[in-house]
Amino acid sequence: MKKKGILIVALALLAVAGLVIYQNRFAYYKPEEVLTQDEFVENFEETEALEEIDGLERTGINGHSPEEKILDTMHQMTHQKIVATDKWGAIPMTTGNIGEIDSIIAGSKKIRSPEVKNQLLQIIAKWENGDFSEADKDHNYIWKLQKGNLGKARGLLSKEEELLFIEEWFIEGKALKEAKK
């Protein structure tokens, strides 16, 4: 009888562990409140808190960059907004960076097809309007173009989570440390 009780407890623990793993790896996350672009600009851009890390020149990207570099830049920009188990690198989603990547894509002759270029420009147009409601879908579109296999977005960060991400990656300098590796 004692073995049966131990077995039941073990199965219950496995079920709970499975649920936790599912929620952390696969469940889609939709927060109640997200950080708006106006709040981001007011709290970070206008205060020049991101001055050291703002601008795409540190990434080496320009109008002659290959598609791979353009996609990597956009991919890293989405990291500020999305929930994913794995994230490598981050570039702040500043007004300036959005405008720069828009100009680079618009003038690029290195994008694989007109359809992909158009889709990237549509993504940027949403971002320029402060619409990040589909940043997870934008991330996954870019991620698929890059043939990603780890780090698929499964939702959007809440306002608090994004603020923590900004603090860790941009204010405390994790993004700069990663870029130097």
Protein backbone atom coordinates (compact mmCIF):
# COMPACT_ATOMS: atom_id res chain seq x y z
CA MET A 1 0.00 0.00 0.00
CA LYS A 2 2.87 2.36 0.82
CA LYS A 3 4.42 1.80 -2.65
CA LYS A 4 1.13 2.74 -4.29
CA GLY A 5 1.07 6.05 -2.37
CA ILE A 6 4.65 6.82 -3.36
CA LEU A 7 3.81 6.05 -6.97
CA ILE A 8 0.80 8.38 -6.88
CA VAL A 9 2.90 11.20 -5.38
CA ALA A 10 5.63 10.63 -7.99
CA LEU A 11 3.09 10.74 -10.83
CA ALA A 12 1.54 13.93 -9.40
CA LEU A 13 5.00 15.55 -9.21
CA LEU A 14 5.70 14.53 -12.81
CA ALA A 15 2.39 16.03 -13.91
CA VAL A 16 3.16 19.31 -12.13
CA ALA A 17 6.69 19.35 -13.58
CA GLY A 18 5.26 18.71 -17.05
CA LEU A 19 2.81 21.59 -16.66
CA VAL A 20 5.56 23.96 -15.51
CA ILE A 21 7.80 22.93 -18.41
CA TYR A 22 4.92 23.39 -20.85
CA GLN A 23 4.08 26.84 -19.51
CA ASN A 24 7.72 27.94 -19.56
CA ARG A 25 8.58 26.53 -22.98
CA PHE A 26 5.44 26.46 -25.08
CA ALA A 27 2.51 28.39 -23.64
CA TYR A 28 1.58 31.63 -25.39
CA TYR A 29 1.87 34.67 -23.16
CA LYS A 30 -0.37 37.73 -23.60
CA PRO A 31 0.11 40.37 -20.90
CA GLU A 32 -2.61 42.70 -19.65
CA GLU A 33 -0.43 45.81 -19.94
CA VAL A 34 2.54 46.47 -22.22
CA LEU A 35 5.05 49.31 -22.33
CA THR A 36 3.94 51.81 -24.96
CA GLN A 37 6.39 53.51 -27.29
CA ASP A 38 5.41 56.87 -25.81
CA GLU A 39 6.32 55.60 -22.31
CA PHE A 40 9.57 54.18 -23.64
CA VAL A 41 10.49 57.47 -25.33
CA GLU A 42 9.55 59.50 -22.26
CA ASN A 43 11.42 57.28 -19.78
CA PHE A 44 14.49 56.38 -21.81
CA GLU A 45 14.99 58.36 -25.01
CA GLU A 46 14.07 61.78 -23.67
CA THR A 47 16.17 61.23 -20.54
CA GLU A 48 19.09 60.06 -22.70
CA ALA A 49 19.34 56.92 -20.55
CA LEU A 50 20.16 54.89 -23.66
CA GLU A 51 22.55 57.38 -25.23
CA GLU A 52 25.55 55.06 -24.88
CA ILE A 53 23.82 52.17 -26.60
CA ASP A 54 21.52 53.95 -29.06
CA GLY A 55 22.29 54.00 -32.77
CA LEU A 56 22.96 51.16 -35.18
CA GLU A 57 26.49 52.30 -36.07
CA ARG A 58 27.89 50.13 -33.24
CA THR A 59 26.45 47.07 -35.00
CA GLY A 60 28.31 47.83 -38.22
CA ILE A 61 25.12 47.76 -40.26
CA ASN A 62 24.69 50.14 -43.18
CA GLY A 63 23.04 50.35 -46.61
CA HIS A 64 25.49 47.83 -48.05
CA SER A 65 25.00 45.20 -45.35
CA PRO A 66 23.94 41.70 -46.37
CA GLU A 67 20.43 40.48 -45.63
CA GLU A 68 21.78 38.32 -42.81
CA LYS A 69 23.01 41.41 -40.93
CA ILE A 70 19.74 43.27 -41.51
CA LEU A 71 17.68 40.33 -40.23
CA ASP A 72 19.96 39.88 -37.22
CA THR A 73 19.53 43.55 -36.31
CA MET A 74 15.73 43.43 -36.56
CA HIS A 75 15.70 40.13 -34.68
CA GLN A 76 17.70 41.60 -31.80
CA MET A 77 15.42 44.66 -31.72
CA THR A 78 12.38 42.43 -31.13
CA HIS A 79 14.01 40.89 -28.05
CA GLN A 80 13.00 43.95 -26.04
CA LYS A 81 9.33 43.13 -26.65
CA ILE A 82 8.96 39.34 -26.70
CA VAL A 83 8.83 36.29 -24.45
CA ALA A 84 11.24 33.55 -25.56
CA THR A 85 13.17 30.90 -23.71
CA ASP A 86 16.44 31.86 -25.39
CA LYS A 87 17.57 35.31 -26.54
CA TRP A 88 21.01 36.18 -27.86
CA GLY A 89 21.77 39.87 -28.08
CA ALA A 90 19.56 42.93 -27.96
CA ILE A 91 19.33 46.28 -29.71
CA PRO A 92 17.01 48.91 -28.21
CA MET A 93 13.76 49.61 -30.00
CA THR A 94 14.42 53.37 -30.12
CA THR A 95 12.84 55.78 -32.55
CA GLY A 96 16.26 56.38 -34.10
CA ASN A 97 17.07 52.70 -34.52
CA ILE A 98 13.68 52.02 -36.09
CA GLY A 99 14.21 54.90 -38.54
CA GLU A 100 17.74 53.73 -39.36
CA ILE A 101 16.72 50.14 -40.09
CA ASP A 102 13.82 51.44 -42.22
CA SER A 103 16.24 53.47 -44.38
CA ILE A 104 18.66 50.54 -44.66
CA ILE A 105 15.94 48.12 -45.77
CA ALA A 106 14.32 50.61 -48.15
CA GLY A 107 17.63 51.17 -49.94
CA SER A 108 18.94 47.61 -49.78
CA LYS A 109 19.50 45.55 -52.89
CA LYS A 110 20.57 42.56 -50.80
CA ILE A 111 17.15 41.34 -49.60
CA ARG A 112 16.35 37.91 -51.09
CA SER A 113 13.06 38.90 -52.77
CA PRO A 114 10.69 41.84 -53.23
CA GLU A 115 8.13 39.99 -51.10
CA VAL A 116 10.50 39.66 -48.15
CA LYS A 117 11.62 43.28 -48.50
CA ASN A 118 7.98 44.41 -48.55
CA GLN A 119 7.17 42.33 -45.46
CA LEU A 120 10.16 43.75 -43.56
CA LEU A 121 9.09 47.28 -44.50
CA GLN A 122 5.55 46.53 -43.29
CA ILE A 123 6.95 45.36 -39.94
CA ILE A 124 9.04 48.53 -39.65
CA ALA A 125 6.02 50.68 -40.55
CA LYS A 126 4.11 49.20 -37.60
CA TRP A 127 7.06 49.88 -35.30
CA GLU A 128 7.35 53.47 -36.56
CA ASN A 129 3.71 53.94 -35.56
CA GLY A 130 4.42 52.56 -32.08
CA ASP A 131 2.52 49.33 -32.81
CA PHE A 132 4.30 46.37 -31.22
CA SER A 133 1.18 44.28 -30.71
CA GLU A 134 2.57 41.69 -33.13
CA ALA A 135 6.25 41.92 -32.16
CA ASP A 136 6.21 38.21 -31.33
CA LYS A 137 4.88 37.39 -34.82
CA ASP A 138 7.40 39.82 -36.33
CA HIS A 139 10.18 38.07 -34.39
CA ASN A 140 9.09 34.65 -35.56
CA TYR A 141 8.84 35.76 -39.21
CA ILE A 142 12.42 37.07 -39.05
CA TRP A 143 13.52 34.02 -37.02
CA LYS A 144 12.12 31.68 -39.71
CA LEU A 145 13.94 33.62 -42.45
CA GLN A 146 17.10 33.01 -40.40
CA LYS A 147 16.23 29.31 -40.12
CA GLY A 148 15.93 29.62 -36.33
CA ASN A 149 15.49 26.52 -34.23
CA LEU A 150 15.84 27.89 -30.66
CA GLY A 151 14.24 30.94 -29.11
CA LYS A 152 10.87 31.08 -30.86
CA ALA A 153 8.74 33.93 -29.44
CA ARG A 154 5.73 32.77 -27.49
CA GLY A 155 4.15 36.06 -26.56
CA LEU A 156 4.81 39.63 -25.52
CA LEU A 157 6.55 40.88 -22.41
CA SER A 158 4.42 42.68 -19.86
CA LYS A 159 5.23 46.29 -19.07
CA GLU A 160 7.15 45.24 -15.95
CA GLU A 161 9.06 42.50 -17.78
CA GLU A 162 10.07 44.87 -20.57
CA LEU A 163 11.26 47.45 -18.05
CA LEU A 164 13.38 44.75 -16.38
CA PHE A 165 14.75 43.70 -19.78
CA ILE A 166 15.65 47.32 -20.63
CA GLU A 167 17.33 47.74 -17.24
CA GLU A 168 19.39 44.55 -17.56
CA TRP A 169 20.33 44.78 -21.23
CA PHE A 170 20.59 48.49 -21.91
CA ILE A 171 21.05 50.34 -18.62
CA GLU A 172 23.31 47.80 -16.89
CA GLY A 173 25.09 47.17 -20.18
CA LYS A 174 24.52 43.47 -20.95
CA ALA A 175 23.98 44.37 -24.63
CA LEU A 176 27.36 46.11 -24.81
CA LYS A 177 29.09 43.16 -23.12
CA GLU A 178 27.44 40.71 -25.56
CA ALA A 179 28.43 42.86 -28.56
CA LYS A 180 32.08 42.77 -27.50
CA LYS A 181 32.18 38.95 -27.36
